[in-house]
């Protein structure tokens, strides 16, 4: 009985110690940052006369924020999400997959991967991958410009 009491006490002490509950600190993409990104994309798109769909995903490729501008193509909703998913799953722009696909053509046929511009990973100033943005509604190059404008708008927030 005495041994059980001592063992139980030690177990409780070990479990409740701060080191047992220590978690790795991780930067999280906040809803405020996602909204700020979308607003910057909308502002750029309006200035250029583009109508965009904007998907922002967290680092687990879960939808964090979505905005569909008036008059944007309904089919581009899914394309924006796929672009963001590509860059959330791989920490580089979707355009880069297109460059790889020129050397390894099979990549272009992997379901769910987008191999053209408009998906960009969201990284902190230290390089931590915290999510991705995908933009669709204009040309691939214009989608990429809009996505980059979103990242530029929050670069100070991601330091």
C-alpha atoms as a PDB file:
ATOM      1  CA  UNK A   1       0.000   0.000   0.000  1.00  0.00           C
ATOM      2  CA  UNK A   2       2.810   2.364   0.960  1.00  0.00           C
ATOM      3  CA  UNK A   3       4.616   1.585  -2.331  1.00  0.00           C
ATOM      4  CA  UNK A   4       1.429   2.307  -4.355  1.00  0.00           C
ATOM      5  CA  UNK A   5       0.999   5.622  -2.589  1.00  0.00           C
ATOM      6  CA  UNK A   6       4.605   6.638  -3.271  1.00  0.00           C
ATOM      7  CA  UNK A   7       4.452   5.471  -6.901  1.00  0.00           C
ATOM      8  CA  UNK A   8       1.170   7.303  -7.397  1.00  0.00           C
ATOM      9  CA  UNK A   9       2.589  10.484  -5.894  1.00  0.00           C
ATOM     10  CA  UNK A  10       5.642  10.295  -8.139  1.00  0.00           C
ATOM     11  CA  UNK A  11       3.456   9.707 -11.197  1.00  0.00           C
ATOM     12  CA  UNK A  12       1.279  12.707 -10.379  1.00  0.00           C
ATOM     13  CA  UNK A  13       4.352  14.873  -9.802  1.00  0.00           C
ATOM     14  CA  UNK A  14       5.849  13.798 -13.134  1.00  0.00           C
ATOM     15  CA  UNK A  15       2.658  14.370 -15.084  1.00  0.00           C
ATOM     16  CA  UNK A  16       1.936  17.752 -13.570  1.00  0.00           C
ATOM     17  CA  UNK A  17       5.460  19.095 -13.849  1.00  0.00           C
ATOM     18  CA  UNK A  18       5.899  21.947 -16.291  1.00  0.00           C
ATOM     19  CA  UNK A  19       8.242  19.941 -18.502  1.00  0.00           C
ATOM     20  CA  UNK A  20       5.591  17.278 -19.044  1.00  0.00           C
ATOM     21  CA  UNK A  21       3.242  19.904 -20.418  1.00  0.00           C
ATOM     22  CA  UNK A  22       5.854  21.897 -22.308  1.00  0.00           C
ATOM     23  CA  UNK A  23       4.779  22.449 -25.869  1.00  0.00           C
ATOM     24  CA  UNK A  24       6.728  23.697 -28.804  1.00  0.00           C
ATOM     25  CA  UNK A  25       5.899  27.333 -29.450  1.00  0.00           C
ATOM     26  CA  UNK A  26       4.558  27.686 -32.931  1.00  0.00           C
ATOM     27  CA  UNK A  27       3.450  30.714 -34.886  1.00  0.00           C
ATOM     28  CA  UNK A  28      -0.178  30.510 -35.920  1.00  0.00           C
ATOM     29  CA  UNK A  29      -1.785  32.283 -38.856  1.00  0.00           C
ATOM     30  CA  UNK A  30      -4.398  34.501 -37.206  1.00  0.00           C
ATOM     31  CA  UNK A  31      -7.754  35.412 -38.660  1.00  0.00           C
ATOM     32  CA  UNK A  32      -6.746  39.086 -38.475  1.00  0.00           C
ATOM     33  CA  UNK A  33      -3.683  38.425 -40.626  1.00  0.00           C
ATOM     34  CA  UNK A  34      -5.757  36.380 -43.076  1.00  0.00           C
ATOM     35  CA  UNK A  35      -8.332  39.174 -43.367  1.00  0.00           C
ATOM     36  CA  UNK A  36      -5.582  41.747 -43.899  1.00  0.00           C
ATOM     37  CA  UNK A  37      -4.121  39.587 -46.666  1.00  0.00           C
ATOM     38  CA  UNK A  38      -7.484  39.227 -48.380  1.00  0.00           C
ATOM     39  CA  UNK A  39      -8.130  42.973 -48.124  1.00  0.00           C
ATOM     40  CA  UNK A  40      -4.773  43.713 -49.781  1.00  0.00           C
ATOM     41  CA  UNK A  41      -5.564  41.279 -52.580  1.00  0.00           C
ATOM     42  CA  UNK A  42      -8.996  42.824 -53.112  1.00  0.00           C
ATOM     43  CA  UNK A  43      -7.485  46.322 -53.171  1.00  0.00           C
ATOM     44  CA  UNK A  44      -4.894  45.280 -55.787  1.00  0.00           C
ATOM     45  CA  UNK A  45      -7.510  43.461 -57.849  1.00  0.00           C
ATOM     46  CA  UNK A  46      -9.881  46.435 -57.810  1.00  0.00           C
ATOM     47  CA  UNK A  47      -7.074  48.793 -58.816  1.00  0.00           C
ATOM     48  CA  UNK A  48      -6.284  46.547 -61.797  1.00  0.00           C
ATOM     49  CA  UNK A  49      -9.889  45.684 -62.720  1.00  0.00           C
ATOM     50  CA  UNK A  50      -9.543  42.005 -61.793  1.00  0.00           C
ATOM     51  CA  UNK A  51     -12.167  39.924 -59.958  1.00  0.00           C
ATOM     52  CA  UNK A  52     -10.606  37.359 -57.668  1.00  0.00           C
ATOM     53  CA  UNK A  53     -11.329  34.427 -55.424  1.00  0.00           C
ATOM     54  CA  UNK A  54      -8.965  34.361 -52.450  1.00  0.00           C
ATOM     55  CA  UNK A  55      -8.372  31.275 -50.316  1.00  0.00           C
ATOM     56  CA  UNK A  56      -6.150  31.392 -47.244  1.00  0.00           C
ATOM     57  CA  UNK A  57      -5.236  28.141 -45.515  1.00  0.00           C
ATOM     58  CA  UNK A  58      -3.364  27.388 -42.307  1.00  0.00           C
ATOM     59  CA  UNK A  59      -0.297  25.147 -42.182  1.00  0.00           C
ATOM     60  CA  UNK A  60      -2.507  22.046 -42.018  1.00  0.00           C
ATOM     61  CA  UNK A  61      -4.189  23.050 -45.309  1.00  0.00           C
ATOM     62  CA  UNK A  62      -7.416  23.913 -43.470  1.00  0.00           C
ATOM     63  CA  UNK A  63      -9.426  26.825 -44.817  1.00  0.00           C
ATOM     64  CA  UNK A  64      -8.828  29.857 -42.601  1.00  0.00           C
ATOM     65  CA  UNK A  65     -10.463  32.569 -44.729  1.00  0.00           C
ATOM     66  CA  UNK A  66     -12.118  32.830 -48.119  1.00  0.00           C
ATOM     67  CA  UNK A  67     -13.319  35.819 -50.103  1.00  0.00           C
ATOM     68  CA  UNK A  68     -15.060  35.879 -53.458  1.00  0.00           C
ATOM     69  CA  UNK A  69     -15.181  39.257 -55.142  1.00  0.00           C
ATOM     70  CA  UNK A  70     -18.374  40.271 -56.904  1.00  0.00           C
ATOM     71  CA  UNK A  71     -18.373  39.076 -60.484  1.00  0.00           C
ATOM     72  CA  UNK A  72     -15.524  36.601 -60.063  1.00  0.00           C
ATOM     73  CA  UNK A  73     -15.720  33.265 -61.827  1.00  0.00           C
ATOM     74  CA  UNK A  74     -17.504  30.593 -59.832  1.00  0.00           C
ATOM     75  CA  UNK A  75     -15.131  27.943 -61.227  1.00  0.00           C
ATOM     76  CA  UNK A  76     -12.193  29.863 -59.787  1.00  0.00           C
ATOM     77  CA  UNK A  77     -13.383  29.203 -56.230  1.00  0.00           C
ATOM     78  CA  UNK A  78     -12.024  25.666 -56.349  1.00  0.00           C
ATOM     79  CA  UNK A  79      -8.917  26.691 -58.281  1.00  0.00           C
ATOM     80  CA  UNK A  80      -8.012  29.271 -55.592  1.00  0.00           C
ATOM     81  CA  UNK A  81      -8.423  26.621 -52.903  1.00  0.00           C
ATOM     82  CA  UNK A  82      -6.321  24.107 -54.852  1.00  0.00           C
ATOM     83  CA  UNK A  83      -3.557  26.666 -55.390  1.00  0.00           C
ATOM     84  CA  UNK A  84      -3.515  27.422 -51.663  1.00  0.00           C
ATOM     85  CA  UNK A  85      -3.594  23.710 -50.815  1.00  0.00           C
ATOM     86  CA  UNK A  86      -0.608  23.081 -53.085  1.00  0.00           C
ATOM     87  CA  UNK A  87       1.439  25.761 -51.318  1.00  0.00           C
ATOM     88  CA  UNK A  88       0.230  24.695 -47.874  1.00  0.00           C
ATOM     89  CA  UNK A  89       1.288  21.120 -48.589  1.00  0.00           C
ATOM     90  CA  UNK A  90       4.641  22.065 -50.120  1.00  0.00           C
ATOM     91  CA  UNK A  91       6.436  25.149 -48.791  1.00  0.00           C
ATOM     92  CA  UNK A  92       6.934  26.778 -52.182  1.00  0.00           C
ATOM     93  CA  UNK A  93       4.821  28.592 -54.782  1.00  0.00           C
ATOM     94  CA  UNK A  94       2.496  26.593 -57.027  1.00  0.00           C
ATOM     95  CA  UNK A  95       4.345  28.137 -59.985  1.00  0.00           C
ATOM     96  CA  UNK A  96       7.460  26.262 -58.844  1.00  0.00           C
ATOM     97  CA  UNK A  97       5.618  22.972 -59.308  1.00  0.00           C
ATOM     98  CA  UNK A  98       5.035  24.024 -62.908  1.00  0.00           C
ATOM     99  CA  UNK A  99       8.764  24.479 -63.326  1.00  0.00           C
ATOM    100  CA  UNK A 100       9.398  21.047 -61.802  1.00  0.00           C
ATOM    101  CA  UNK A 101       6.698  19.533 -64.037  1.00  0.00           C
ATOM    102  CA  UNK A 102       8.719  20.533 -67.080  1.00  0.00           C
ATOM    103  CA  UNK A 103      11.469  18.182 -65.877  1.00  0.00           C
ATOM    104  CA  UNK A 104       9.208  15.602 -64.204  1.00  0.00           C
ATOM    105  CA  UNK A 105       5.964  15.620 -66.231  1.00  0.00           C
ATOM    106  CA  UNK A 106       4.103  13.199 -63.952  1.00  0.00           C
ATOM    107  CA  UNK A 107       3.772  15.852 -61.238  1.00  0.00           C
ATOM    108  CA  UNK A 108       1.264  17.741 -63.363  1.00  0.00           C
ATOM    109  CA  UNK A 109      -1.059  14.728 -63.162  1.00  0.00           C
ATOM    110  CA  UNK A 110      -1.120  14.340 -59.384  1.00  0.00           C
ATOM    111  CA  UNK A 111      -4.718  14.978 -58.239  1.00  0.00           C
ATOM    112  CA  UNK A 112      -5.114  18.215 -56.298  1.00  0.00           C
ATOM    113  CA  UNK A 113      -1.768  19.749 -57.212  1.00  0.00           C
ATOM    114  CA  UNK A 114      -1.747  22.968 -59.194  1.00  0.00           C
ATOM    115  CA  UNK A 115       1.247  23.671 -61.400  1.00  0.00           C
ATOM    116  CA  UNK A 116       0.597  27.279 -62.346  1.00  0.00           C
ATOM    117  CA  UNK A 117       0.978  30.638 -60.639  1.00  0.00           C
ATOM    118  CA  UNK A 118      -1.278  31.957 -57.898  1.00  0.00           C
ATOM    119  CA  UNK A 119      -0.474  29.826 -54.851  1.00  0.00           C
ATOM    120  CA  UNK A 120       2.166  31.092 -52.410  1.00  0.00           C
ATOM    121  CA  UNK A 121       3.199  29.768 -48.993  1.00  0.00           C
ATOM    122  CA  UNK A 122       2.881  32.089 -46.015  1.00  0.00           C
ATOM    123  CA  UNK A 123       6.091  32.115 -43.987  1.00  0.00           C
ATOM    124  CA  UNK A 124       7.282  34.059 -40.989  1.00  0.00           C
ATOM    125  CA  UNK A 125      10.389  36.215 -41.144  1.00  0.00           C
ATOM    126  CA  UNK A 126      12.354  33.248 -39.774  1.00  0.00           C
ATOM    127  CA  UNK A 127      11.042  30.987 -42.539  1.00  0.00           C
ATOM    128  CA  UNK A 128       8.427  29.081 -40.520  1.00  0.00           C
ATOM    129  CA  UNK A 129       5.684  27.833 -42.876  1.00  0.00           C
ATOM    130  CA  UNK A 130       2.336  28.835 -41.342  1.00  0.00           C
ATOM    131  CA  UNK A 131      -0.067  28.543 -44.270  1.00  0.00           C
ATOM    132  CA  UNK A 132      -0.707  29.527 -47.859  1.00  0.00           C
ATOM    133  CA  UNK A 133      -2.745  31.789 -50.079  1.00  0.00           C
ATOM    134  CA  UNK A 134      -4.312  30.847 -53.378  1.00  0.00           C
ATOM    135  CA  UNK A 135      -5.744  33.411 -55.775  1.00  0.00           C
ATOM    136  CA  UNK A 136      -7.707  32.746 -58.961  1.00  0.00           C
ATOM    137  CA  UNK A 137      -9.858  34.779 -61.311  1.00  0.00           C
ATOM    138  CA  UNK A 138      -7.555  36.460 -63.817  1.00  0.00           C
ATOM    139  CA  UNK A 139      -4.515  35.197 -65.709  1.00  0.00           C
ATOM    140  CA  UNK A 140      -2.104  33.015 -63.754  1.00  0.00           C
ATOM    141  CA  UNK A 141       0.433  35.854 -63.713  1.00  0.00           C
ATOM    142  CA  UNK A 142      -2.166  38.329 -62.407  1.00  0.00           C
ATOM    143  CA  UNK A 143      -3.263  35.814 -59.771  1.00  0.00           C
ATOM    144  CA  UNK A 144       0.364  35.594 -58.640  1.00  0.00           C
ATOM    145  CA  UNK A 145       0.696  39.378 -58.506  1.00  0.00           C
ATOM    146  CA  UNK A 146      -2.401  39.588 -56.304  1.00  0.00           C
ATOM    147  CA  UNK A 147      -1.189  36.804 -54.011  1.00  0.00           C
ATOM    148  CA  UNK A 148       2.168  38.542 -53.634  1.00  0.00           C
ATOM    149  CA  UNK A 149       0.433  41.841 -52.803  1.00  0.00           C
ATOM    150  CA  UNK A 150      -1.281  39.984 -49.957  1.00  0.00           C
ATOM    151  CA  UNK A 151       2.007  38.756 -48.543  1.00  0.00           C
ATOM    152  CA  UNK A 152       3.620  42.170 -48.935  1.00  0.00           C
ATOM    153  CA  UNK A 153       0.793  43.696 -46.879  1.00  0.00           C
ATOM    154  CA  UNK A 154       1.528  41.491 -43.868  1.00  0.00           C
ATOM    155  CA  UNK A 155       5.317  41.087 -44.024  1.00  0.00           C
ATOM    156  CA  UNK A 156       5.806  43.213 -40.890  1.00  0.00           C
ATOM    157  CA  UNK A 157       3.119  41.181 -39.063  1.00  0.00           C
ATOM    158  CA  UNK A 158       4.966  37.943 -39.830  1.00  0.00           C
ATOM    159  CA  UNK A 159       8.351  38.906 -38.335  1.00  0.00           C
END
